Amino acid sequence: MNRNQEKVLVAALCGLVITAAGAFAVQPAMAAGYQVDQLAKVSGVAHWDQLNVRKWPASYSQQVGAFEPGSHVWVERCIKAKAGADWCLVDSQDTRGWVNSKFLTVVHDWDI
């Protein structure tokens, strides 16, 4: 293995360590949440845009889906953010993940 290959290998391993550490750092934040169990509507999103659904409660997390403005989602729970809006775990049809709570409005009068 030459010197350049060693550098690439070390950089890749460092990246894996940093990614794993980031995943563990998100886990405790998820425990500091609160149950919601309520229907909500996607709001505050431009009519031509979508609300990104993330794998973890962070804007830099992998996108796993998106909701159109006006879509209804089931909010399971949310976590408190130290700065900015809270993040909520939502579910609708085949899409489940985390969204920023500032784009959700609770639906108070709904029938099952």
N, C-alpha and C. Protein backbone atom coordinates (compact mmCIF):
# COMPACT_ATOMS: atom_id res chain seq x y z
N MET A 1 0.86 -1.17 0.00
CA MET A 1 0.00 0.00 0.00
C MET A 1 0.91 1.24 0.00
N ASN A 2 0.65 2.15 -0.94
CA ASN A 2 1.49 3.34 -1.00
C ASN A 2 0.97 4.43 -0.05
N ARG A 3 1.68 5.50 0.04
CA ARG A 3 1.40 6.58 0.99
C ARG A 3 0.02 7.21 0.74
N ASN A 4 -0.33 7.45 -0.51
CA ASN A 4 -1.63 8.05 -0.84
C ASN A 4 -2.79 7.14 -0.45
N GLN A 5 -2.64 5.85 -0.66
CA GLN A 5 -3.69 4.91 -0.28
C GLN A 5 -3.86 4.87 1.24
N GLU A 6 -2.74 4.98 1.96
CA GLU A 6 -2.82 5.02 3.43
C GLU A 6 -3.58 6.26 3.89
N LYS A 7 -3.33 7.40 3.26
CA LYS A 7 -4.02 8.64 3.62
C LYS A 7 -5.52 8.52 3.38
N VAL A 8 -5.89 7.93 2.26
CA VAL A 8 -7.31 7.75 1.94
C VAL A 8 -7.97 6.81 2.96
N LEU A 9 -7.28 5.73 3.31
CA LEU A 9 -7.82 4.79 4.29
C LEU A 9 -8.00 5.45 5.65
N VAL A 10 -7.01 6.22 6.09
CA VAL A 10 -7.11 6.91 7.38
C VAL A 10 -8.25 7.93 7.35
N ALA A 11 -8.38 8.66 6.27
CA ALA A 11 -9.46 9.65 6.15
C ALA A 11 -10.83 8.96 6.18
N ALA A 12 -10.96 7.83 5.51
CA ALA A 12 -12.23 7.10 5.50
C ALA A 12 -12.57 6.58 6.90
N LEU A 13 -11.58 6.06 7.59
CA LEU A 13 -11.81 5.57 8.95
C LEU A 13 -12.20 6.71 9.90
N CYS A 14 -11.55 7.85 9.76
CA CYS A 14 -11.91 9.02 10.57
C CYS A 14 -13.35 9.45 10.29
N GLY A 15 -13.74 9.41 9.05
CA GLY A 15 -15.11 9.77 8.68
C GLY A 15 -16.12 8.82 9.31
N LEU A 16 -15.81 7.54 9.32
CA LEU A 16 -16.71 6.57 9.94
C LEU A 16 -16.82 6.80 11.45
N VAL A 17 -15.71 7.11 12.09
CA VAL A 17 -15.73 7.36 13.54
C VAL A 17 -16.56 8.60 13.85
N ILE A 18 -16.39 9.64 13.06
CA ILE A 18 -17.15 10.88 13.28
C ILE A 18 -18.64 10.65 13.04
N THR A 19 -18.98 9.90 12.00
CA THR A 19 -20.39 9.60 11.72
C THR A 19 -21.01 8.79 12.85
N ALA A 20 -20.31 7.79 13.34
CA ALA A 20 -20.82 6.97 14.45
C ALA A 20 -20.99 7.81 15.71
N ALA A 21 -20.04 8.69 15.99
CA ALA A 21 -20.14 9.55 17.17
C ALA A 21 -21.34 10.49 17.05
N GLY A 22 -21.60 10.98 15.86
CA GLY A 22 -22.76 11.85 15.63
C GLY A 22 -24.06 11.12 15.86
N ALA A 23 -24.14 9.87 15.45
CA ALA A 23 -25.35 9.08 15.65
C ALA A 23 -25.61 8.86 17.14
N PHE A 24 -24.57 8.59 17.89
CA PHE A 24 -24.73 8.40 19.34
C PHE A 24 -25.08 9.71 20.03
N ALA A 25 -24.61 10.83 19.51
CA ALA A 25 -24.92 12.12 20.12
C ALA A 25 -26.39 12.47 19.96
N VAL A 26 -27.03 12.02 18.88
CA VAL A 26 -28.44 12.31 18.65
C VAL A 26 -29.32 11.47 19.56
N GLN A 27 -28.92 10.26 19.88
CA GLN A 27 -29.74 9.35 20.67
C GLN A 27 -30.20 9.93 22.01
N PRO A 28 -29.32 10.53 22.85
CA PRO A 28 -29.80 11.08 24.12
C PRO A 28 -30.80 12.21 23.93
N ALA A 29 -30.66 12.99 22.88
CA ALA A 29 -31.59 14.08 22.64
C ALA A 29 -32.99 13.54 22.39
N MET A 30 -33.09 12.38 21.76
CA MET A 30 -34.39 11.81 21.46
C MET A 30 -35.11 11.42 22.75
N ALA A 31 -34.37 11.05 23.78
CA ALA A 31 -34.98 10.66 25.04
C ALA A 31 -35.55 11.86 25.80
N ALA A 32 -35.07 13.06 25.49
CA ALA A 32 -35.52 14.27 26.19
C ALA A 32 -36.72 14.87 25.49
N GLY A 33 -37.64 14.04 25.07
CA GLY A 33 -38.79 14.53 24.31
C GLY A 33 -40.10 14.44 25.08
N TYR A 34 -41.18 14.62 24.35
CA TYR A 34 -42.51 14.56 24.93
C TYR A 34 -43.46 13.93 23.93
N GLN A 35 -44.40 13.14 24.44
CA GLN A 35 -45.39 12.47 23.61
C GLN A 35 -46.41 13.47 23.08
N VAL A 36 -46.84 13.28 21.86
CA VAL A 36 -47.86 14.14 21.26
C VAL A 36 -49.08 13.30 20.87
N ASP A 37 -48.88 12.26 20.06
CA ASP A 37 -49.95 11.37 19.60
C ASP A 37 -51.17 12.16 19.13
N GLN A 38 -50.96 12.96 18.10
CA GLN A 38 -52.03 13.81 17.58
C GLN A 38 -51.84 14.05 16.08
N LEU A 39 -52.94 14.32 15.40
CA LEU A 39 -52.91 14.63 13.98
C LEU A 39 -52.47 16.07 13.78
N ALA A 40 -51.68 16.30 12.75
CA ALA A 40 -51.23 17.66 12.42
C ALA A 40 -51.25 17.84 10.91
N LYS A 41 -51.23 19.11 10.51
CA LYS A 41 -51.24 19.47 9.10
C LYS A 41 -49.92 20.19 8.79
N VAL A 42 -49.34 19.87 7.62
CA VAL A 42 -48.12 20.54 7.18
C VAL A 42 -48.49 21.96 6.77
N SER A 43 -47.89 22.94 7.43
CA SER A 43 -48.21 24.35 7.16
C SER A 43 -46.93 25.18 7.14
N GLY A 44 -47.03 26.37 6.61
CA GLY A 44 -45.87 27.26 6.56
C GLY A 44 -44.87 26.90 5.48
N VAL A 45 -45.24 26.00 4.58
CA VAL A 45 -44.38 25.59 3.47
C VAL A 45 -44.98 26.19 2.21
N ALA A 46 -44.16 26.81 1.38
CA ALA A 46 -44.64 27.41 0.13
C ALA A 46 -45.37 26.37 -0.72
N HIS A 47 -46.39 26.81 -1.45
CA HIS A 47 -47.22 25.89 -2.24
C HIS A 47 -46.42 25.11 -3.28
N TRP A 48 -45.28 25.62 -3.69
CA TRP A 48 -44.45 24.96 -4.69
C TRP A 48 -43.34 24.11 -4.06
N ASP A 49 -43.26 24.09 -2.73
CA ASP A 49 -42.19 23.40 -2.03
C ASP A 49 -42.72 22.18 -1.28
N GLN A 50 -41.84 21.46 -0.61
CA GLN A 50 -42.21 20.30 0.20
C GLN A 50 -41.49 20.38 1.54
N LEU A 51 -42.06 19.71 2.55
CA LEU A 51 -41.42 19.61 3.85
C LEU A 51 -40.57 18.34 3.86
N ASN A 52 -39.26 18.51 4.03
CA ASN A 52 -38.37 17.36 4.05
C ASN A 52 -38.54 16.55 5.34
N VAL A 53 -38.53 15.25 5.19
CA VAL A 53 -38.60 14.33 6.32
C VAL A 53 -37.20 13.74 6.48
N ARG A 54 -36.66 13.79 7.69
CA ARG A 54 -35.28 13.38 7.95
C ARG A 54 -35.21 12.09 8.76
N LYS A 55 -34.12 11.37 8.59
CA LYS A 55 -33.89 10.13 9.32
C LYS A 55 -33.69 10.40 10.81
N TRP A 56 -33.00 11.48 11.15
CA TRP A 56 -32.74 11.89 12.53
C TRP A 56 -33.20 13.32 12.70
N PRO A 57 -33.40 13.79 13.92
CA PRO A 57 -33.87 15.16 14.15
C PRO A 57 -32.77 16.21 13.99
N ALA A 58 -32.36 16.42 12.74
CA ALA A 58 -31.34 17.41 12.42
C ALA A 58 -31.44 17.79 10.95
N SER A 59 -31.22 19.05 10.64
CA SER A 59 -31.36 19.52 9.26
C SER A 59 -30.32 18.90 8.32
N TYR A 60 -29.21 18.44 8.85
CA TYR A 60 -28.16 17.84 8.03
C TYR A 60 -28.34 16.33 7.87
N SER A 61 -29.36 15.75 8.50
CA SER A 61 -29.60 14.32 8.44
C SER A 61 -30.12 13.91 7.06
N GLN A 62 -29.97 12.64 6.74
CA GLN A 62 -30.42 12.09 5.46
C GLN A 62 -31.92 12.29 5.27
N GLN A 63 -32.31 12.75 4.09
CA GLN A 63 -33.72 12.91 3.76
C GLN A 63 -34.31 11.55 3.41
N VAL A 64 -35.45 11.21 4.05
CA VAL A 64 -36.10 9.91 3.80
C VAL A 64 -37.44 10.07 3.09
N GLY A 65 -37.86 11.30 2.87
CA GLY A 65 -39.13 11.55 2.20
C GLY A 65 -39.48 13.02 2.26
N ALA A 66 -40.70 13.35 1.83
CA ALA A 66 -41.17 14.73 1.85
C ALA A 66 -42.69 14.74 1.86
N PHE A 67 -43.26 15.80 2.44
CA PHE A 67 -44.70 15.98 2.48
C PHE A 67 -45.09 17.26 1.75
N GLU A 68 -46.19 17.19 1.02
CA GLU A 68 -46.73 18.35 0.34
C GLU A 68 -47.38 19.29 1.37
N PRO A 69 -47.42 20.60 1.08
CA PRO A 69 -48.14 21.52 1.97
C PRO A 69 -49.61 21.08 2.10
N GLY A 70 -50.14 21.14 3.30
CA GLY A 70 -51.52 20.74 3.54
C GLY A 70 -51.70 19.27 3.86
N SER A 71 -50.64 18.48 3.73
CA SER A 71 -50.73 17.05 4.05
C SER A 71 -51.01 16.86 5.54
N HIS A 72 -51.70 15.78 5.85
CA HIS A 72 -51.95 15.43 7.25
C HIS A 72 -50.98 14.33 7.66
N VAL A 73 -50.41 14.48 8.85
CA VAL A 73 -49.44 13.52 9.37
C VAL A 73 -49.79 13.21 10.82
N TRP A 74 -49.42 12.04 11.27
CA TRP A 74 -49.59 11.68 12.66
C TRP A 74 -48.30 12.01 13.40
N VAL A 75 -48.39 12.83 14.43
CA VAL A 75 -47.22 13.23 15.21
C VAL A 75 -47.15 12.31 16.42
N GLU A 76 -46.10 11.51 16.48
CA GLU A 76 -45.93 10.56 17.58
C GLU A 76 -45.34 11.26 18.81
N ARG A 77 -44.22 11.91 18.63
CA ARG A 77 -43.57 12.62 19.73
C ARG A 77 -42.64 13.68 19.19
N CYS A 78 -42.20 14.57 20.07
CA CYS A 78 -41.28 15.63 19.69
C CYS A 78 -40.14 15.69 20.70
N ILE A 79 -39.05 16.30 20.27
CA ILE A 79 -37.94 16.53 21.19
C ILE A 79 -37.69 18.03 21.27
N LYS A 80 -37.25 18.46 22.42
CA LYS A 80 -36.99 19.87 22.65
C LYS A 80 -35.63 20.25 22.06
N ALA A 81 -35.61 21.34 21.33
CA ALA A 81 -34.37 21.85 20.77
C ALA A 81 -33.85 22.97 21.65
N LYS A 82 -32.54 23.00 21.85
CA LYS A 82 -31.94 24.07 22.66
C LYS A 82 -32.07 25.41 21.96
N ALA A 83 -31.96 25.39 20.64
CA ALA A 83 -32.11 26.62 19.86
C ALA A 83 -33.01 26.31 18.67
N GLY A 84 -33.90 27.21 18.35
CA GLY A 84 -34.80 26.98 17.22
C GLY A 84 -36.01 26.16 17.61
N ALA A 85 -36.69 25.63 16.62
CA ALA A 85 -37.92 24.87 16.84
C ALA A 85 -37.62 23.42 17.23
N ASP A 86 -38.59 22.78 17.86
CA ASP A 86 -38.48 21.38 18.23
C ASP A 86 -38.55 20.51 16.97
N TRP A 87 -38.17 19.25 17.10
CA TRP A 87 -38.27 18.28 16.03
C TRP A 87 -39.30 17.24 16.42
N CYS A 88 -40.13 16.81 15.46
CA CYS A 88 -41.19 15.85 15.74
C CYS A 88 -41.07 14.62 14.85
N LEU A 89 -41.33 13.47 15.45
CA LEU A 89 -41.37 12.21 14.72
C LEU A 89 -42.77 12.05 14.16
N VAL A 90 -42.88 11.99 12.83
CA VAL A 90 -44.18 11.93 12.17
C VAL A 90 -44.28 10.69 11.30
N ASP A 91 -45.52 10.35 10.96
CA ASP A 91 -45.79 9.17 10.15
C ASP A 91 -47.00 9.46 9.27
N SER A 92 -46.90 9.12 7.99
CA SER A 92 -48.01 9.25 7.07
C SER A 92 -47.79 8.28 5.92
N GLN A 93 -48.71 7.37 5.77
CA GLN A 93 -48.63 6.33 4.74
C GLN A 93 -47.30 5.58 4.87
N ASP A 94 -46.43 5.67 3.88
CA ASP A 94 -45.17 4.92 3.91
C ASP A 94 -43.98 5.78 4.34
N THR A 95 -44.22 6.98 4.81
CA THR A 95 -43.14 7.87 5.18
C THR A 95 -43.14 8.10 6.70
N ARG A 96 -42.00 7.82 7.32
CA ARG A 96 -41.84 8.01 8.76
C ARG A 96 -40.47 8.64 9.01
N GLY A 97 -40.46 9.73 9.78
CA GLY A 97 -39.20 10.38 10.08
C GLY A 97 -39.42 11.66 10.87
N TRP A 98 -38.41 12.50 10.91
CA TRP A 98 -38.39 13.71 11.73
C TRP A 98 -38.57 14.96 10.88
N VAL A 99 -39.40 15.88 11.37
CA VAL A 99 -39.60 17.17 10.70
C VAL A 99 -39.49 18.29 11.74
N ASN A 100 -39.21 19.48 11.27
CA ASN A 100 -39.15 20.65 12.14
C ASN A 100 -40.57 21.03 12.54
N SER A 101 -40.80 21.20 13.84
CA SER A 101 -42.17 21.43 14.34
C SER A 101 -42.76 22.76 13.90
N LYS A 102 -41.93 23.69 13.45
CA LYS A 102 -42.50 24.98 13.04
C LYS A 102 -43.33 24.86 11.76
N PHE A 103 -43.23 23.71 11.09
CA PHE A 103 -44.02 23.47 9.88
C PHE A 103 -45.22 22.57 10.13
N LEU A 104 -45.62 22.41 11.38
CA LEU A 104 -46.77 21.58 11.73
C LEU A 104 -47.79 22.41 12.50
N THR A 105 -49.07 22.19 12.20
CA THR A 105 -50.16 22.81 12.93
C THR A 105 -51.08 21.68 13.41
N VAL A 106 -51.33 21.64 14.71
CA VAL A 106 -52.17 20.59 15.27
C VAL A 106 -53.59 20.72 14.75
N VAL A 107 -54.19 19.58 14.39
CA VAL A 107 -55.58 19.54 13.94
C VAL A 107 -56.42 19.15 15.15
N HIS A 108 -57.24 20.08 15.64
CA HIS A 108 -58.00 19.84 16.86
C HIS A 108 -59.33 19.13 16.62
N ASP A 109 -59.97 19.40 15.51
CA ASP A 109 -61.29 18.81 15.26
C ASP A 109 -61.22 17.81 14.11
N TRP A 110 -60.89 16.57 14.43
CA TRP A 110 -60.79 15.54 13.42
C TRP A 110 -61.50 14.28 13.91
N ASP A 111 -61.98 13.51 12.97
CA ASP A 111 -62.67 12.25 13.27
C ASP A 111 -61.86 11.10 12.72
N ILE A 112 -61.89 10.02 13.46
CA ILE A 112 -61.18 8.81 12.99
C ILE A 112 -62.14 7.98 12.18
